[in-house]
Amino acid sequence: MPDQWQAGRTLGFDIRLCPVVRKSKG
């Protein structure tokens, strides 16, 4: 993969996520 990534560059992506949160109080 590239060694450097320039700030301001836009990239597309695909990603598989497990979007979970912790419930501190239940």
PDB file of all heavy atoms in Angstrom:
ATOM      1  N   MET A   1       0.855  -1.186   0.000  1.00  0.00           N
ATOM      2  CA  MET A   1       0.000   0.000   0.000  1.00  0.00           C
ATOM      3  C   MET A   1       0.893   1.239   0.000  1.00  0.00           C
ATOM      4  O   MET A   1       2.088   1.159   0.321  1.00  0.00           O
ATOM      5  CB  MET A   1      -0.905  -0.016   1.234  1.00  0.00           C
ATOM      6  CG  MET A   1      -1.878  -1.192   1.275  1.00  0.00           C
ATOM      7  SD  MET A   1      -3.088  -1.147  -0.085  1.00  0.00           S
ATOM      8  CE  MET A   1      -4.123   0.243   0.423  1.00  0.00           C
ATOM      9  N   PRO A   2       0.345   2.399  -0.369  1.00  0.00           N
ATOM     10  CA  PRO A   2       1.167   3.619  -0.374  1.00  0.00           C
ATOM     11  C   PRO A   2       1.795   3.885   0.993  1.00  0.00           C
ATOM     12  O   PRO A   2       1.177   3.649   2.035  1.00  0.00           O
ATOM     13  CB  PRO A   2       0.157   4.714  -0.741  1.00  0.00           C
ATOM     14  CG  PRO A   2      -0.893   3.998  -1.543  1.00  0.00           C
ATOM     15  CD  PRO A   2      -1.019   2.645  -0.912  1.00  0.00           C
ATOM     16  N   ASP A   3       3.025   4.369   0.987  1.00  0.00           N
ATOM     17  CA  ASP A   3       3.721   4.697   2.233  1.00  0.00           C
ATOM     18  C   ASP A   3       3.225   6.006   2.836  1.00  0.00           C
ATOM     19  O   ASP A   3       3.327   6.223   4.048  1.00  0.00           O
ATOM     20  CB  ASP A   3       5.232   4.796   1.999  1.00  0.00           C
ATOM     21  CG  ASP A   3       5.863   3.445   1.712  1.00  0.00           C
ATOM     22  OD1 ASP A   3       5.364   2.438   2.251  1.00  0.00           O
ATOM     23  OD2 ASP A   3       6.837   3.387   0.941  1.00  0.00           O
ATOM     24  N   GLN A   4       2.715   6.906   1.987  1.00  0.00           N
ATOM     25  CA  GLN A   4       2.257   8.206   2.462  1.00  0.00           C
ATOM     26  C   GLN A   4       0.873   8.500   1.903  1.00  0.00           C
ATOM     27  O   GLN A   4       0.556   8.124   0.774  1.00  0.00           O
ATOM     28  CB  GLN A   4       3.231   9.311   2.047  1.00  0.00           C
ATOM     29  CG  GLN A   4       4.618   9.175   2.676  1.00  0.00           C
ATOM     30  CD  GLN A   4       5.537  10.318   2.284  1.00  0.00           C
ATOM     31  OE1 GLN A   4       5.282  11.034   1.309  1.00  0.00           O
ATOM     32  NE2 GLN A   4       6.604  10.507   3.046  1.00  0.00           N
ATOM     33  N   TRP A   5       0.072   9.169   2.722  1.00  0.00           N
ATOM     34  CA  TRP A   5      -1.276   9.572   2.326  1.00  0.00           C
ATOM     35  C   TRP A   5      -1.382  11.086   2.519  1.00  0.00           C
ATOM     36  O   TRP A   5      -1.112  11.587   3.613  1.00  0.00           O
ATOM     37  CB  TRP A   5      -2.328   8.857   3.158  1.00  0.00           C
ATOM     38  CG  TRP A   5      -2.304   7.363   3.024  1.00  0.00           C
ATOM     39  CD1 TRP A   5      -1.645   6.477   3.824  1.00  0.00           C
ATOM     40  CD2 TRP A   5      -2.960   6.590   2.027  1.00  0.00           C
ATOM     41  NE1 TRP A   5      -1.849   5.197   3.396  1.00  0.00           N
ATOM     42  CE2 TRP A   5      -2.663   5.226   2.285  1.00  0.00           C
ATOM     43  CE3 TRP A   5      -3.782   6.893   0.939  1.00  0.00           C
ATOM     44  CZ2 TRP A   5      -3.146   4.193   1.507  1.00  0.00           C
ATOM     45  CZ3 TRP A   5      -4.269   5.857   0.154  1.00  0.00           C
ATOM     46  CH2 TRP A   5      -3.951   4.526   0.442  1.00  0.00           C
ATOM     47  N   GLN A   6      -1.789  11.784   1.482  1.00  0.00           N
ATOM     48  CA  GLN A   6      -1.834  13.238   1.525  1.00  0.00           C
ATOM     49  C   GLN A   6      -3.127  13.724   2.161  1.00  0.00           C
ATOM     50  O   GLN A   6      -4.220  13.295   1.786  1.00  0.00           O
ATOM     51  CB  GLN A   6      -1.705  13.812   0.114  1.00  0.00           C
ATOM     52  CG  GLN A   6      -1.650  15.333   0.060  1.00  0.00           C
ATOM     53  CD  GLN A   6      -1.458  15.853  -1.348  1.00  0.00           C
ATOM     54  OE1 GLN A   6      -1.372  15.074  -2.294  1.00  0.00           O
ATOM     55  NE2 GLN A   6      -1.374  17.158  -1.483  1.00  0.00           N
ATOM     56  N   ALA A   7      -3.009  14.632   3.130  1.00  0.00           N
ATOM     57  CA  ALA A   7      -4.190  15.240   3.732  1.00  0.00           C
ATOM     58  C   ALA A   7      -4.999  15.977   2.663  1.00  0.00           C
ATOM     59  O   ALA A   7      -4.441  16.628   1.780  1.00  0.00           O
ATOM     60  CB  ALA A   7      -3.775  16.201   4.841  1.00  0.00           C
ATOM     61  N   GLY A   8      -6.304  15.857   2.747  1.00  0.00           N
ATOM     62  CA  GLY A   8      -7.197  16.467   1.772  1.00  0.00           C
ATOM     63  C   GLY A   8      -7.617  15.540   0.646  1.00  0.00           C
ATOM     64  O   GLY A   8      -8.563  15.841  -0.092  1.00  0.00           O
ATOM     65  N   ARG A   9      -6.952  14.406   0.519  1.00  0.00           N
ATOM     66  CA  ARG A   9      -7.308  13.457  -0.534  1.00  0.00           C
ATOM     67  C   ARG A   9      -8.609  12.735  -0.178  1.00  0.00           C
ATOM     68  O   ARG A   9      -8.840  12.371   0.981  1.00  0.00           O
ATOM     69  CB  ARG A   9      -6.197  12.431  -0.723  1.00  0.00           C
ATOM     70  CG  ARG A   9      -6.461  11.449  -1.863  1.00  0.00           C
ATOM     71  CD  ARG A   9      -5.316  10.471  -2.029  1.00  0.00           C
ATOM     72  NE  ARG A   9      -5.553   9.565  -3.129  1.00  0.00           N
ATOM     73  CZ  ARG A   9      -4.723   8.577  -3.497  1.00  0.00           C
ATOM     74  NH1 ARG A   9      -3.581   8.414  -2.828  1.00  0.00           N
ATOM     75  NH2 ARG A   9      -5.012   7.792  -4.512  1.00  0.00           N
ATOM     76  N   THR A  10      -9.458  12.528  -1.164  1.00  0.00           N
ATOM     77  CA  THR A  10     -10.706  11.796  -0.937  1.00  0.00           C
ATOM     78  C   THR A  10     -10.589  10.406  -1.538  1.00  0.00           C
ATOM     79  O   THR A  10     -10.008  10.226  -2.614  1.00  0.00           O
ATOM     80  CB  THR A  10     -11.908  12.531  -1.549  1.00  0.00           C
ATOM     81  OG1 THR A  10     -11.694  12.712  -2.955  1.00  0.00           O
ATOM     82  CG2 THR A  10     -12.125  13.878  -0.884  1.00  0.00           C
ATOM     83  N   LEU A  11     -11.147   9.430  -0.837  1.00  0.00           N
ATOM     84  CA  LEU A  11     -11.115   8.036  -1.250  1.00  0.00           C
ATOM     85  C   LEU A  11     -12.479   7.410  -1.040  1.00  0.00           C
ATOM     86  O   LEU A  11     -13.171   7.693  -0.063  1.00  0.00           O
ATOM     87  CB  LEU A  11     -10.083   7.252  -0.417  1.00  0.00           C
ATOM     88  CG  LEU A  11      -8.623   7.676  -0.509  1.00  0.00           C
ATOM     89  CD1 LEU A  11      -7.823   6.991   0.580  1.00  0.00           C
ATOM     90  CD2 LEU A  11      -8.056   7.361  -1.885  1.00  0.00           C
ATOM     91  N   GLY A  12     -12.858   6.538  -1.957  1.00  0.00           N
ATOM     92  CA  GLY A  12     -14.045   5.729  -1.743  1.00  0.00           C
ATOM     93  C   GLY A  12     -13.686   4.471  -0.971  1.00  0.00           C
ATOM     94  O   GLY A  12     -12.520   4.071  -0.897  1.00  0.00           O
ATOM     95  N   PHE A  13     -14.693   3.841  -0.397  1.00  0.00           N
ATOM     96  CA  PHE A  13     -14.427   2.626   0.374  1.00  0.00           C
ATOM     97  C   PHE A  13     -15.676   1.755   0.458  1.00  0.00           C
ATOM     98  O   PHE A  13     -16.811   2.219   0.330  1.00  0.00           O
ATOM     99  CB  PHE A  13     -13.959   2.972   1.800  1.00  0.00           C
ATOM    100  CG  PHE A  13     -15.015   3.647   2.650  1.00  0.00           C
ATOM    101  CD1 PHE A  13     -15.929   2.905   3.383  1.00  0.00           C
ATOM    102  CD2 PHE A  13     -15.089   5.028   2.709  1.00  0.00           C
ATOM    103  CE1 PHE A  13     -16.909   3.524   4.156  1.00  0.00           C
ATOM    104  CE2 PHE A  13     -16.069   5.661   3.478  1.00  0.00           C
ATOM    105  CZ  PHE A  13     -16.975   4.900   4.203  1.00  0.00           C
ATOM    106  N   ASP A  14     -15.424   0.480   0.670  1.00  0.00           N
ATOM    107  CA  ASP A  14     -16.437  -0.479   1.116  1.00  0.00           C
ATOM    108  C   ASP A  14     -15.953  -1.029   2.445  1.00  0.00           C
ATOM    109  O   ASP A  14     -14.743  -1.218   2.650  1.00  0.00           O
ATOM    110  CB  ASP A  14     -16.603  -1.628   0.117  1.00  0.00           C
ATOM    111  CG  ASP A  14     -17.334  -1.217  -1.142  1.00  0.00           C
ATOM    112  OD1 ASP A  14     -18.483  -0.759  -1.034  1.00  0.00           O
ATOM    113  OD2 ASP A  14     -16.748  -1.351  -2.235  1.00  0.00           O
ATOM    114  N   ILE A  15     -16.877  -1.317   3.353  1.00  0.00           N
ATOM    115  CA  ILE A  15     -16.479  -1.855   4.647  1.00  0.00           C
ATOM    116  C   ILE A  15     -17.639  -2.635   5.267  1.00  0.00           C
ATOM    117  O   ILE A  15     -18.796  -2.249   5.153  1.00  0.00           O
ATOM    118  CB  ILE A  15     -16.023  -0.722   5.602  1.00  0.00           C
ATOM    119  CG1 ILE A  15     -15.383  -1.305   6.861  1.00  0.00           C
ATOM    120  CG2 ILE A  15     -17.166   0.217   5.935  1.00  0.00           C
ATOM    121  CD1 ILE A  15     -14.664  -0.262   7.702  1.00  0.00           C
ATOM    122  N   ARG A  16     -17.301  -3.765   5.867  1.00  0.00           N
ATOM    123  CA  ARG A  16     -18.264  -4.554   6.626  1.00  0.00           C
ATOM    124  C   ARG A  16     -18.078  -4.208   8.097  1.00  0.00           C
ATOM    125  O   ARG A  16     -16.986  -4.320   8.635  1.00  0.00           O
ATOM    126  CB  ARG A  16     -18.032  -6.048   6.399  1.00  0.00           C
ATOM    127  CG  ARG A  16     -19.036  -6.953   7.120  1.00  0.00           C
ATOM    128  CD  ARG A  16     -18.605  -8.399   7.035  1.00  0.00           C
ATOM    129  NE  ARG A  16     -19.536  -9.284   7.722  1.00  0.00           N
ATOM    130  CZ  ARG A  16     -19.218 -10.485   8.196  1.00  0.00           C
ATOM    131  NH1 ARG A  16     -17.964 -10.946   8.065  1.00  0.00           N
ATOM    132  NH2 ARG A  16     -20.115 -11.222   8.808  1.00  0.00           N
ATOM    133  N   LEU A  17     -19.157  -3.784   8.740  1.00  0.00           N
ATOM    134  CA  LEU A  17     -19.076  -3.266  10.098  1.00  0.00           C
ATOM    135  C   LEU A  17     -19.970  -4.040  11.056  1.00  0.00           C
ATOM    136  O   LEU A  17     -21.009  -4.586  10.669  1.00  0.00           O
ATOM    137  CB  LEU A  17     -19.497  -1.794  10.127  1.00  0.00           C
ATOM    138  CG  LEU A  17     -18.593  -0.805   9.381  1.00  0.00           C
ATOM    139  CD1 LEU A  17     -19.277   0.547   9.283  1.00  0.00           C
ATOM    140  CD2 LEU A  17     -17.250  -0.677  10.071  1.00  0.00           C
ATOM    141  N   CYS A  18     -19.562  -4.028  12.310  1.00  0.00           N
ATOM    142  CA  CYS A  18     -20.402  -4.505  13.411  1.00  0.00           C
ATOM    143  C   CYS A  18     -20.664  -3.294  14.305  1.00  0.00           C
ATOM    144  O   CYS A  18     -19.948  -3.074  15.294  1.00  0.00           O
ATOM    145  CB  CYS A  18     -19.701  -5.620  14.180  1.00  0.00           C
ATOM    146  SG  CYS A  18     -20.701  -6.353  15.488  1.00  0.00           S
ATOM    147  N   PRO A  19     -21.680  -2.483  13.976  1.00  0.00           N
ATOM    148  CA  PRO A  19     -21.885  -1.214  14.683  1.00  0.00           C
ATOM    149  C   PRO A  19     -22.604  -1.416  16.028  1.00  0.00           C
ATOM    150  O   PRO A  19     -23.832  -1.439  16.109  1.00  0.00           O
ATOM    151  CB  PRO A  19     -22.748  -0.413  13.709  1.00  0.00           C
ATOM    152  CG  PRO A  19     -23.489  -1.445  12.922  1.00  0.00           C
ATOM    153  CD  PRO A  19     -22.607  -2.650  12.852  1.00  0.00           C
ATOM    154  N   VAL A  20     -21.812  -1.564  17.077  1.00  0.00           N
ATOM    155  CA  VAL A  20     -22.356  -1.791  18.411  1.00  0.00           C
ATOM    156  C   VAL A  20     -21.836  -0.724  19.372  1.00  0.00           C
ATOM    157  O   VAL A  20     -20.809  -0.097  19.134  1.00  0.00           O
ATOM    158  CB  VAL A  20     -21.998  -3.193  18.946  1.00  0.00           C
ATOM    159  CG1 VAL A  20     -22.679  -4.275  18.135  1.00  0.00           C
ATOM    160  CG2 VAL A  20     -20.485  -3.398  18.957  1.00  0.00           C
ATOM    161  N   VAL A  21     -22.581  -0.542  20.471  1.00  0.00           N
ATOM    162  CA  VAL A  21     -22.184   0.381  21.535  1.00  0.00           C
ATOM    163  C   VAL A  21     -22.351  -0.330  22.874  1.00  0.00           C
ATOM    164  O   VAL A  21     -23.068  -1.333  22.978  1.00  0.00           O
ATOM    165  CB  VAL A  21     -23.028   1.674  21.513  1.00  0.00           C
ATOM    166  CG1 VAL A  21     -22.810   2.444  20.217  1.00  0.00           C
ATOM    167  CG2 VAL A  21     -24.511   1.356  21.696  1.00  0.00           C
ATOM    168  N   ARG A  22     -21.685   0.198  23.897  1.00  0.00           N
ATOM    169  CA  ARG A  22     -21.821  -0.311  25.257  1.00  0.00           C
ATOM    170  C   ARG A  22     -22.871   0.511  25.997  1.00  0.00           C
ATOM    171  O   ARG A  22     -22.824   1.739  25.987  1.00  0.00           O
ATOM    172  CB  ARG A  22     -20.490  -0.212  26.000  1.00  0.00           C
ATOM    173  CG  ARG A  22     -19.414  -1.139  25.492  1.00  0.00           C
ATOM    174  CD  ARG A  22     -19.625  -2.551  25.954  1.00  0.00           C
ATOM    175  NE  ARG A  22     -18.544  -3.426  25.504  1.00  0.00           N
ATOM    176  CZ  ARG A  22     -18.553  -4.738  25.680  1.00  0.00           C
ATOM    177  NH1 ARG A  22     -19.559  -5.321  26.291  1.00  0.00           N
ATOM    178  NH2 ARG A  22     -17.539  -5.473  25.235  1.00  0.00           N
ATOM    179  N   LYS A  23     -23.815  -0.177  26.649  1.00  0.00           N
ATOM    180  CA  LYS A  23     -24.835   0.495  27.445  1.00  0.00           C
ATOM    181  C   LYS A  23     -24.370   0.509  28.902  1.00  0.00           C
ATOM    182  O   LYS A  23     -24.483  -0.489  29.615  1.00  0.00           O
ATOM    183  CB  LYS A  23     -26.173  -0.220  27.313  1.00  0.00           C
ATOM    184  CG  LYS A  23     -26.721  -0.272  25.904  1.00  0.00           C
ATOM    185  CD  LYS A  23     -27.059   1.122  25.382  1.00  0.00           C
ATOM    186  CE  LYS A  23     -28.299   1.687  26.022  1.00  0.00           C
ATOM    187  NZ  LYS A  23     -28.674   3.008  25.408  1.00  0.00           N
ATOM    188  N   SER A  24     -23.849   1.628  29.340  1.00  0.00           N
ATOM    189  CA  SER A  24     -23.253   1.699  30.675  1.00  0.00           C
ATOM    190  C   SER A  24     -24.288   1.484  31.786  1.00  0.00           C
ATOM    191  O   SER A  24     -23.988   0.861  32.803  1.00  0.00           O
ATOM    192  CB  SER A  24     -22.562   3.052  30.868  1.00  0.00           C
ATOM    193  OG  SER A  24     -23.483   4.113  30.690  1.00  0.00           O
ATOM    194  N   LYS A  25     -25.525   1.963  31.584  1.00  0.00           N
ATOM    195  CA  LYS A  25     -26.542   1.851  32.618  1.00  0.00           C
ATOM    196  C   LYS A  25     -27.514   0.696  32.400  1.00  0.00           C
ATOM    197  O   LYS A  25     -28.276   0.362  33.292  1.00  0.00           O
ATOM    198  CB  LYS A  25     -27.329   3.162  32.706  1.00  0.00           C
ATOM    199  CG  LYS A  25     -26.488   4.360  33.127  1.00  0.00           C
ATOM    200  CD  LYS A  25     -27.337   5.605  33.251  1.00  0.00           C
ATOM    201  CE  LYS A  25     -26.496   6.796  33.700  1.00  0.00           C
ATOM    202  NZ  LYS A  25     -27.329   8.030  33.820  1.00  0.00           N
ATOM    203  N   GLY A  26     -27.495   0.102  31.231  1.00  0.00           N
ATOM    204  CA  GLY A  26     -28.445  -0.965  30.952  1.00  0.00           C
ATOM    205  C   GLY A  26     -29.837  -0.405  30.691  1.00  0.00           C
ATOM    206  O   GLY A  26     -30.117   0.771  30.915  1.00  0.00           O
TER     207      GLY A  26
END
